[in-house]
Amino acid sequence: MAQPDDIVPSRDFENITPNDSTDLRQKSRGILLASAGALSVYDYQQNSVTITGLAVGIIHPIQTTRILASGTVASGICVFY
């Protein structure tokens, strides 16, 4: 069942640089890419997963705590919280 916080718009966002050792300041609600390419993130069990085929210019509903530099080719990454 959806929680009230699951259905409201993002309240904050920031442009980030992928980093293999630093977590995002909180779990993401969505990710926007300015240029196409693979995106490497942690899943909910902290396993590294590389996602390909993400479109440019839309907010992808991805929850993660880290966007990894290793394996990420996409750039212009904006994280929505």
PDB file of N, CA and C in Angstrom:
ATOM      1  N   MET A   1       0.833  -1.174   0.000  1.00  0.00           N
ATOM      2  CA  MET A   1       0.000   0.000   0.000  1.00  0.00           C
ATOM      3  C   MET A   1       0.883   1.243   0.000  1.00  0.00           C
ATOM      4  N   ALA A   2       0.530   2.215  -0.808  1.00  0.00           N
ATOM      5  CA  ALA A   2       1.316   3.438  -0.910  1.00  0.00           C
ATOM      6  C   ALA A   2       1.238   4.241   0.389  1.00  0.00           C
ATOM      7  N   GLN A   3       2.355   4.793   0.745  1.00  0.00           N
ATOM      8  CA  GLN A   3       2.424   5.690   1.894  1.00  0.00           C
ATOM      9  C   GLN A   3       2.252   7.117   1.387  1.00  0.00           C
ATOM     10  N   PRO A   4       1.779   8.040   2.212  1.00  0.00           N
ATOM     11  CA  PRO A   4       1.565   9.419   1.760  1.00  0.00           C
ATOM     12  C   PRO A   4       2.786  10.038   1.093  1.00  0.00           C
ATOM     13  N   ASP A   5       3.985   9.737   1.596  1.00  0.00           N
ATOM     14  CA  ASP A   5       5.199  10.313   1.024  1.00  0.00           C
ATOM     15  C   ASP A   5       5.534   9.726  -0.347  1.00  0.00           C
ATOM     16  N   ASP A   6       4.965   8.578  -0.697  1.00  0.00           N
ATOM     17  CA  ASP A   6       5.258   7.928  -1.971  1.00  0.00           C
ATOM     18  C   ASP A   6       4.587   8.616  -3.149  1.00  0.00           C
ATOM     19  N   ILE A   7       3.561   9.408  -2.892  1.00  0.00           N
ATOM     20  CA  ILE A   7       2.765   9.950  -3.993  1.00  0.00           C
ATOM     21  C   ILE A   7       2.835  11.474  -4.114  1.00  0.00           C
ATOM     22  N   VAL A   8       3.711  12.105  -3.370  1.00  0.00           N
ATOM     23  CA  VAL A   8       3.882  13.545  -3.487  1.00  0.00           C
ATOM     24  C   VAL A   8       5.102  13.841  -4.362  1.00  0.00           C
ATOM     25  N   PRO A   9       5.127  15.007  -4.995  1.00  0.00           N
ATOM     26  CA  PRO A   9       6.285  15.359  -5.831  1.00  0.00           C
ATOM     27  C   PRO A   9       7.567  15.462  -5.017  1.00  0.00           C
ATOM     28  N   SER A  10       8.673  15.412  -5.708  1.00  0.00           N
ATOM     29  CA  SER A  10       9.974  15.589  -5.047  1.00  0.00           C
ATOM     30  C   SER A  10      10.028  16.971  -4.415  1.00  0.00           C
ATOM     31  N   ARG A  11      10.685  17.058  -3.290  1.00  0.00           N
ATOM     32  CA  ARG A  11      10.782  18.324  -2.568  1.00  0.00           C
ATOM     33  C   ARG A  11      12.125  19.018  -2.772  1.00  0.00           C
ATOM     34  N   ASP A  12      13.118  18.273  -3.232  1.00  0.00           N
ATOM     35  CA  ASP A  12      14.457  18.829  -3.363  1.00  0.00           C
ATOM     36  C   ASP A  12      15.189  18.079  -4.471  1.00  0.00           C
ATOM     37  N   PHE A  13      16.224  18.683  -4.983  1.00  0.00           N
ATOM     38  CA  PHE A  13      17.012  18.053  -6.044  1.00  0.00           C
ATOM     39  C   PHE A  13      18.399  18.673  -6.058  1.00  0.00           C
ATOM     40  N   GLU A  14      19.346  17.953  -6.689  1.00  0.00           N
ATOM     41  CA  GLU A  14      20.705  18.475  -6.835  1.00  0.00           C
ATOM     42  C   GLU A  14      21.403  17.766  -7.982  1.00  0.00           C
ATOM     43  N   ASN A  15      22.307  18.493  -8.640  1.00  0.00           N
ATOM     44  CA  ASN A  15      23.176  17.889  -9.638  1.00  0.00           C
ATOM     45  C   ASN A  15      24.300  17.196  -8.882  1.00  0.00           C
ATOM     46  N   ILE A  16      24.639  15.992  -9.312  1.00  0.00           N
ATOM     47  CA  ILE A  16      25.678  15.249  -8.602  1.00  0.00           C
ATOM     48  C   ILE A  16      26.739  14.735  -9.573  1.00  0.00           C
ATOM     49  N   THR A  17      27.880  14.423  -9.007  1.00  0.00           N
ATOM     50  CA  THR A  17      28.954  13.735  -9.713  1.00  0.00           C
ATOM     51  C   THR A  17      29.028  12.333  -9.131  1.00  0.00           C
ATOM     52  N   PRO A  18      28.946  11.304  -9.964  1.00  0.00           N
ATOM     53  CA  PRO A  18      29.017   9.932  -9.443  1.00  0.00           C
ATOM     54  C   PRO A  18      30.280   9.721  -8.611  1.00  0.00           C
ATOM     55  N   ASN A  19      30.149   8.913  -7.555  1.00  0.00           N
ATOM     56  CA  ASN A  19      31.254   8.692  -6.636  1.00  0.00           C
ATOM     57  C   ASN A  19      31.160   7.270  -6.085  1.00  0.00           C
ATOM     58  N   ASP A  20      32.263   6.550  -6.138  1.00  0.00           N
ATOM     59  CA  ASP A  20      32.271   5.157  -5.674  1.00  0.00           C
ATOM     60  C   ASP A  20      32.262   5.008  -4.154  1.00  0.00           C
ATOM     61  N   SER A  21      32.559   6.069  -3.417  1.00  0.00           N
ATOM     62  CA  SER A  21      32.684   5.918  -1.965  1.00  0.00           C
ATOM     63  C   SER A  21      31.772   6.837  -1.149  1.00  0.00           C
ATOM     64  N   THR A  22      30.988   7.684  -1.795  1.00  0.00           N
ATOM     65  CA  THR A  22      30.144   8.623  -1.056  1.00  0.00           C
ATOM     66  C   THR A  22      28.671   8.405  -1.396  1.00  0.00           C
ATOM     67  N   ASP A  23      27.861   8.233  -0.355  1.00  0.00           N
ATOM     68  CA  ASP A  23      26.419   8.088  -0.542  1.00  0.00           C
ATOM     69  C   ASP A  23      25.776   9.438  -0.882  1.00  0.00           C
ATOM     70  N   LEU A  24      24.609   9.368  -1.503  1.00  0.00           N
ATOM     71  CA  LEU A  24      23.784  10.560  -1.663  1.00  0.00           C
ATOM     72  C   LEU A  24      23.350  11.016  -0.279  1.00  0.00           C
ATOM     73  N   ARG A  25      22.904  12.252  -0.135  1.00  0.00           N
ATOM     74  CA  ARG A  25      22.539  12.753   1.203  1.00  0.00           C
ATOM     75  C   ARG A  25      21.301  12.088   1.759  1.00  0.00           C
ATOM     76  N   GLN A  26      20.490  11.486   0.879  1.00  0.00           N
ATOM     77  CA  GLN A  26      19.361  10.653   1.286  1.00  0.00           C
ATOM     78  C   GLN A  26      18.972   9.789   0.082  1.00  0.00           C
ATOM     79  N   LYS A  27      18.061   8.859   0.280  1.00  0.00           N
ATOM     80  CA  LYS A  27      17.650   7.974  -0.806  1.00  0.00           C
ATOM     81  C   LYS A  27      16.953   8.795  -1.894  1.00  0.00           C
ATOM     82  N   SER A  28      17.322   8.545  -3.135  1.00  0.00           N
ATOM     83  CA  SER A  28      16.721   9.271  -4.250  1.00  0.00           C
ATOM     84  C   SER A  28      15.279   8.823  -4.497  1.00  0.00           C
ATOM     85  N   ARG A  29      14.502   9.707  -5.097  1.00  0.00           N
ATOM     86  CA  ARG A  29      13.148   9.378  -5.545  1.00  0.00           C
ATOM     87  C   ARG A  29      13.106   9.293  -7.067  1.00  0.00           C
ATOM     88  N   GLY A  30      14.054   9.972  -7.718  1.00  0.00           N
ATOM     89  CA  GLY A  30      14.102   9.976  -9.167  1.00  0.00           C
ATOM     90  C   GLY A  30      15.442  10.497  -9.643  1.00  0.00           C
ATOM     91  N   ILE A  31      15.787  10.149 -10.895  1.00  0.00           N
ATOM     92  CA  ILE A  31      17.054  10.571 -11.488  1.00  0.00           C
ATOM     93  C   ILE A  31      16.794  11.038 -12.917  1.00  0.00           C
ATOM     94  N   LEU A  32      17.349  12.214 -13.240  1.00  0.00           N
ATOM     95  CA  LEU A  32      17.232  12.808 -14.569  1.00  0.00           C
ATOM     96  C   LEU A  32      18.616  12.840 -15.199  1.00  0.00           C
ATOM     97  N   LEU A  33      18.716  12.456 -16.461  1.00  0.00           N
ATOM     98  CA  LEU A  33      19.994  12.465 -17.179  1.00  0.00           C
ATOM     99  C   LEU A  33      19.967  13.519 -18.280  1.00  0.00           C
ATOM    100  N   ALA A  34      21.072  14.278 -18.412  1.00  0.00           N
ATOM    101  CA  ALA A  34      21.191  15.255 -19.497  1.00  0.00           C
ATOM    102  C   ALA A  34      21.798  14.617 -20.739  1.00  0.00           C
ATOM    103  N   SER A  35      22.600  13.559 -20.551  1.00  0.00           N
ATOM    104  CA  SER A  35      23.146  12.832 -21.697  1.00  0.00           C
ATOM    105  C   SER A  35      23.046  11.334 -21.425  1.00  0.00           C
ATOM    106  N   ALA A  36      22.765  10.598 -22.474  1.00  0.00           N
ATOM    107  CA  ALA A  36      22.527   9.157 -22.353  1.00  0.00           C
ATOM    108  C   ALA A  36      23.802   8.401 -21.998  1.00  0.00           C
ATOM    109  N   GLY A  37      23.595   7.241 -21.429  1.00  0.00           N
ATOM    110  CA  GLY A  37      24.693   6.359 -21.083  1.00  0.00           C
ATOM    111  C   GLY A  37      24.307   5.504 -19.899  1.00  0.00           C
ATOM    112  N   ALA A  38      25.128   4.523 -19.614  1.00  0.00           N
ATOM    113  CA  ALA A  38      24.853   3.618 -18.499  1.00  0.00           C
ATOM    114  C   ALA A  38      24.898   4.377 -17.173  1.00  0.00           C
ATOM    115  N   LEU A  39      24.093   3.906 -16.226  1.00  0.00           N
ATOM    116  CA  LEU A  39      24.048   4.468 -14.877  1.00  0.00           C
ATOM    117  C   LEU A  39      24.259   3.321 -13.902  1.00  0.00           C
ATOM    118  N   SER A  40      25.296   3.421 -13.080  1.00  0.00           N
ATOM    119  CA  SER A  40      25.605   2.375 -12.114  1.00  0.00           C
ATOM    120  C   SER A  40      25.191   2.854 -10.726  1.00  0.00           C
ATOM    121  N   VAL A  41      24.318   2.081 -10.066  1.00  0.00           N
ATOM    122  CA  VAL A  41      23.758   2.475  -8.771  1.00  0.00           C
ATOM    123  C   VAL A  41      23.789   1.290  -7.809  1.00  0.00           C
ATOM    124  N   TYR A  42      23.519   1.567  -6.541  1.00  0.00           N
ATOM    125  CA  TYR A  42      23.307   0.512  -5.560  1.00  0.00           C
ATOM    126  C   TYR A  42      21.823   0.181  -5.512  1.00  0.00           C
ATOM    127  N   ASP A  43      21.508  -1.121  -5.448  1.00  0.00           N
ATOM    128  CA  ASP A  43      20.126  -1.520  -5.225  1.00  0.00           C
ATOM    129  C   ASP A  43      19.853  -1.508  -3.720  1.00  0.00           C
ATOM    130  N   TYR A  44      18.672  -1.947  -3.310  1.00  0.00           N
ATOM    131  CA  TYR A  44      18.291  -1.861  -1.902  1.00  0.00           C
ATOM    132  C   TYR A  44      19.129  -2.760  -0.989  1.00  0.00           C
ATOM    133  N   GLN A  45      19.869  -3.727  -1.561  1.00  0.00           N
ATOM    134  CA  GLN A  45      20.748  -4.587  -0.765  1.00  0.00           C
ATOM    135  C   GLN A  45      22.213  -4.188  -0.899  1.00  0.00           C
ATOM    136  N   GLN A  46      22.451  -3.007  -1.456  1.00  0.00           N
ATOM    137  CA  GLN A  46      23.798  -2.453  -1.653  1.00  0.00           C
ATOM    138  C   GLN A  46      24.626  -3.230  -2.669  1.00  0.00           C
ATOM    139  N   ASN A  47      23.949  -3.873  -3.636  1.00  0.00           N
ATOM    140  CA  ASN A  47      24.629  -4.501  -4.756  1.00  0.00           C
ATOM    141  C   ASN A  47      24.741  -3.495  -5.886  1.00  0.00           C
ATOM    142  N   SER A  48      25.862  -3.501  -6.579  1.00  0.00           N
ATOM    143  CA  SER A  48      26.053  -2.614  -7.719  1.00  0.00           C
ATOM    144  C   SER A  48      25.261  -3.144  -8.920  1.00  0.00           C
ATOM    145  N   VAL A  49      24.462  -2.264  -9.518  1.00  0.00           N
ATOM    146  CA  VAL A  49      23.657  -2.614 -10.685  1.00  0.00           C
ATOM    147  C   VAL A  49      23.878  -1.545 -11.739  1.00  0.00           C
ATOM    148  N   THR A  50      24.174  -1.953 -12.965  1.00  0.00           N
ATOM    149  CA  THR A  50      24.325  -1.004 -14.061  1.00  0.00           C
ATOM    150  C   THR A  50      23.076  -1.041 -14.922  1.00  0.00           C
ATOM    151  N   ILE A  51      22.466   0.131 -15.085  1.00  0.00           N
ATOM    152  CA  ILE A  51      21.229   0.257 -15.856  1.00  0.00           C
ATOM    153  C   ILE A  51      21.564   0.917 -17.182  1.00  0.00           C
ATOM    154  N   THR A  52      21.127   0.304 -18.268  1.00  0.00           N
ATOM    155  CA  THR A  52      21.341   0.880 -19.594  1.00  0.00           C
ATOM    156  C   THR A  52      19.987   1.214 -20.217  1.00  0.00           C
ATOM    157  N   GLY A  53      20.014   2.032 -21.253  1.00  0.00           N
ATOM    158  CA  GLY A  53      18.798   2.339 -21.992  1.00  0.00           C
ATOM    159  C   GLY A  53      17.901   3.390 -21.363  1.00  0.00           C
ATOM    160  N   LEU A  54      18.420   4.153 -20.398  1.00  0.00           N
ATOM    161  CA  LEU A  54      17.616   5.213 -19.792  1.00  0.00           C
ATOM    162  C   LEU A  54      17.538   6.406 -20.739  1.00  0.00           C
ATOM    163  N   ALA A  55      16.353   6.931 -20.921  1.00  0.00           N
ATOM    164  CA  ALA A  55      16.144   8.062 -21.825  1.00  0.00           C
ATOM    165  C   ALA A  55      16.612   9.367 -21.194  1.00  0.00           C
ATOM    166  N   VAL A  56      17.007  10.284 -22.050  1.00  0.00           N
ATOM    167  CA  VAL A  56      17.418  11.614 -21.633  1.00  0.00           C
ATOM    168  C   VAL A  56      16.171  12.484 -21.445  1.00  0.00           C
ATOM    169  N   GLY A  57      16.204  13.354 -20.428  1.00  0.00           N
ATOM    170  CA  GLY A  57      15.172  14.368 -20.288  1.00  0.00           C
ATOM    171  C   GLY A  57      13.912  13.965 -19.554  1.00  0.00           C
ATOM    172  N   ILE A  58      13.886  12.766 -18.966  1.00  0.00           N
ATOM    173  CA  ILE A  58      12.734  12.390 -18.135  1.00  0.00           C
ATOM    174  C   ILE A  58      13.237  11.962 -16.758  1.00  0.00           C
ATOM    175  N   ILE A  59      12.390  12.086 -15.764  1.00  0.00           N
ATOM    176  CA  ILE A  59      12.767  11.673 -14.416  1.00  0.00           C
ATOM    177  C   ILE A  59      12.445  10.193 -14.253  1.00  0.00           C
ATOM    178  N   HIS A  60      13.484   9.400 -14.068  1.00  0.00           N
ATOM    179  CA  HIS A  60      13.327   7.959 -13.890  1.00  0.00           C
ATOM    180  C   HIS A  60      13.086   7.664 -12.411  1.00  0.00           C
ATOM    181  N   PRO A  61      12.046   6.896 -12.077  1.00  0.00           N
ATOM    182  CA  PRO A  61      11.725   6.618 -10.670  1.00  0.00           C
ATOM    183  C   PRO A  61      12.658   5.559 -10.069  1.00  0.00           C
ATOM    184  N   ILE A  62      13.874   5.988  -9.760  1.00  0.00           N
ATOM    185  CA  ILE A  62      14.899   5.084  -9.236  1.00  0.00           C
ATOM    186  C   ILE A  62      15.226   5.490  -7.805  1.00  0.00           C
ATOM    187  N   GLN A  63      15.090   4.552  -6.874  1.00  0.00           N
ATOM    188  CA  GLN A  63      15.502   4.790  -5.491  1.00  0.00           C
ATOM    189  C   GLN A  63      16.862   4.144  -5.282  1.00  0.00           C
ATOM    190  N   THR A  64      17.824   4.953  -4.883  1.00  0.00           N
ATOM    191  CA  THR A  64      19.169   4.458  -4.613  1.00  0.00           C
ATOM    192  C   THR A  64      19.824   5.339  -3.561  1.00  0.00           C
ATOM    193  N   THR A  65      20.882   4.831  -2.957  1.00  0.00           N
ATOM    194  CA  THR A  65      21.637   5.609  -1.982  1.00  0.00           C
ATOM    195  C   THR A  65      22.975   6.074  -2.534  1.00  0.00           C
ATOM    196  N   ARG A  66      23.366   5.511  -3.692  1.00  0.00           N
ATOM    197  CA  ARG A  66      24.656   5.888  -4.275  1.00  0.00           C
ATOM    198  C   ARG A  66      24.624   5.725  -5.791  1.00  0.00           C
ATOM    199  N   ILE A  67      25.224   6.691  -6.480  1.00  0.00           N
ATOM    200  CA  ILE A  67      25.453   6.581  -7.919  1.00  0.00           C
ATOM    201  C   ILE A  67      26.958   6.438  -8.090  1.00  0.00           C
ATOM    202  N   LEU A  68      27.348   5.306  -8.619  1.00  0.00           N
ATOM    203  CA  LEU A  68      28.762   4.938  -8.694  1.00  0.00           C
ATOM    204  C   LEU A  68      29.445   5.542  -9.923  1.00  0.00           C
ATOM    205  N   ALA A  69      30.703   5.956  -9.752  1.00  0.00           N
ATOM    206  CA  ALA A  69      31.496   6.443 -10.877  1.00  0.00           C
ATOM    207  C   ALA A  69      31.880   5.272 -11.792  1.00  0.00           C
ATOM    208  N   SER A  70      32.248   4.145 -11.175  1.00  0.00           N
ATOM    209  CA  SER A  70      32.609   2.955 -11.951  1.00  0.00           C
ATOM    210  C   SER A  70      31.368   2.411 -12.646  1.00  0.00           C
ATOM    211  N   GLY A  71      31.401   2.398 -13.953  1.00  0.00           N
ATOM    212  CA  GLY A  71      30.284   1.871 -14.716  1.00  0.00           C
ATOM    213  C   GLY A  71      29.291   2.915 -15.190  1.00  0.00           C
ATOM    214  N   THR A  72      29.372   4.135 -14.656  1.00  0.00           N
ATOM    215  CA  THR A  72      28.460   5.195 -15.095  1.00  0.00           C
ATOM    216  C   THR A  72      29.084   5.953 -16.250  1.00  0.00           C
ATOM    217  N   VAL A  73      28.331   6.047 -17.346  1.00  0.00           N
ATOM    218  CA  VAL A  73      28.767   6.789 -18.531  1.00  0.00           C
ATOM    219  C   VAL A  73      27.900   8.031 -18.717  1.00  0.00           C
ATOM    220  N   ALA A  74      26.664   7.983 -18.276  1.00  0.00           N
ATOM    221  CA  ALA A  74      25.754   9.121 -18.385  1.00  0.00           C
ATOM    222  C   ALA A  74      26.338  10.334 -17.660  1.00  0.00           C
ATOM    223  N   SER A  75      25.952  11.521 -18.107  1.00  0.00           N
ATOM    224  CA  SER A  75      26.407  12.733 -17.433  1.00  0.00           C
ATOM    225  C   SER A  75      25.234  13.704 -17.293  1.00  0.00           C
ATOM    226  N   GLY A  76      25.506  14.793 -16.590  1.00  0.00           N
ATOM    227  CA  GLY A  76      24.441  15.748 -16.312  1.00  0.00           C
ATOM    228  C   GLY A  76      23.371  15.107 -15.451  1.00  0.00           C
ATOM    229  N   ILE A  77      23.783  14.489 -14.339  1.00  0.00           N
ATOM    230  CA  ILE A  77      22.885  13.707 -13.495  1.00  0.00           C
ATOM    231  C   ILE A  77      22.282  14.606 -12.413  1.00  0.00           C
ATOM    232  N   CYS A  78      20.963  14.651 -12.381  1.00  0.00           N
ATOM    233  CA  CYS A  78      20.246  15.398 -11.357  1.00  0.00           C
ATOM    234  C   CYS A  78      19.434  14.399 -10.546  1.00  0.00           C
ATOM    235  N   VAL A  79      19.595  14.448  -9.231  1.00  0.00           N
ATOM    236  CA  VAL A  79      18.902  13.540  -8.325  1.00  0.00           C
ATOM    237  C   VAL A  79      17.761  14.287  -7.656  1.00  0.00           C
ATOM    238  N   PHE A  80      16.590  13.667  -7.642  1.00  0.00           N
ATOM    239  CA  PHE A  80      15.405  14.234  -7.000  1.00  0.00           C
ATOM    240  C   PHE A  80      15.149  13.472  -5.700  1.00  0.00           C
ATOM    241  N   TYR A  81      14.848  14.222  -4.633  1.00  0.00           N
ATOM    242  CA  TYR A  81      14.608  13.624  -3.312  1.00  0.00           C
ATOM    243  C   TYR A  81      13.164  13.825  -2.904  1.00  0.00           C
TER     244      TYR A  81
END
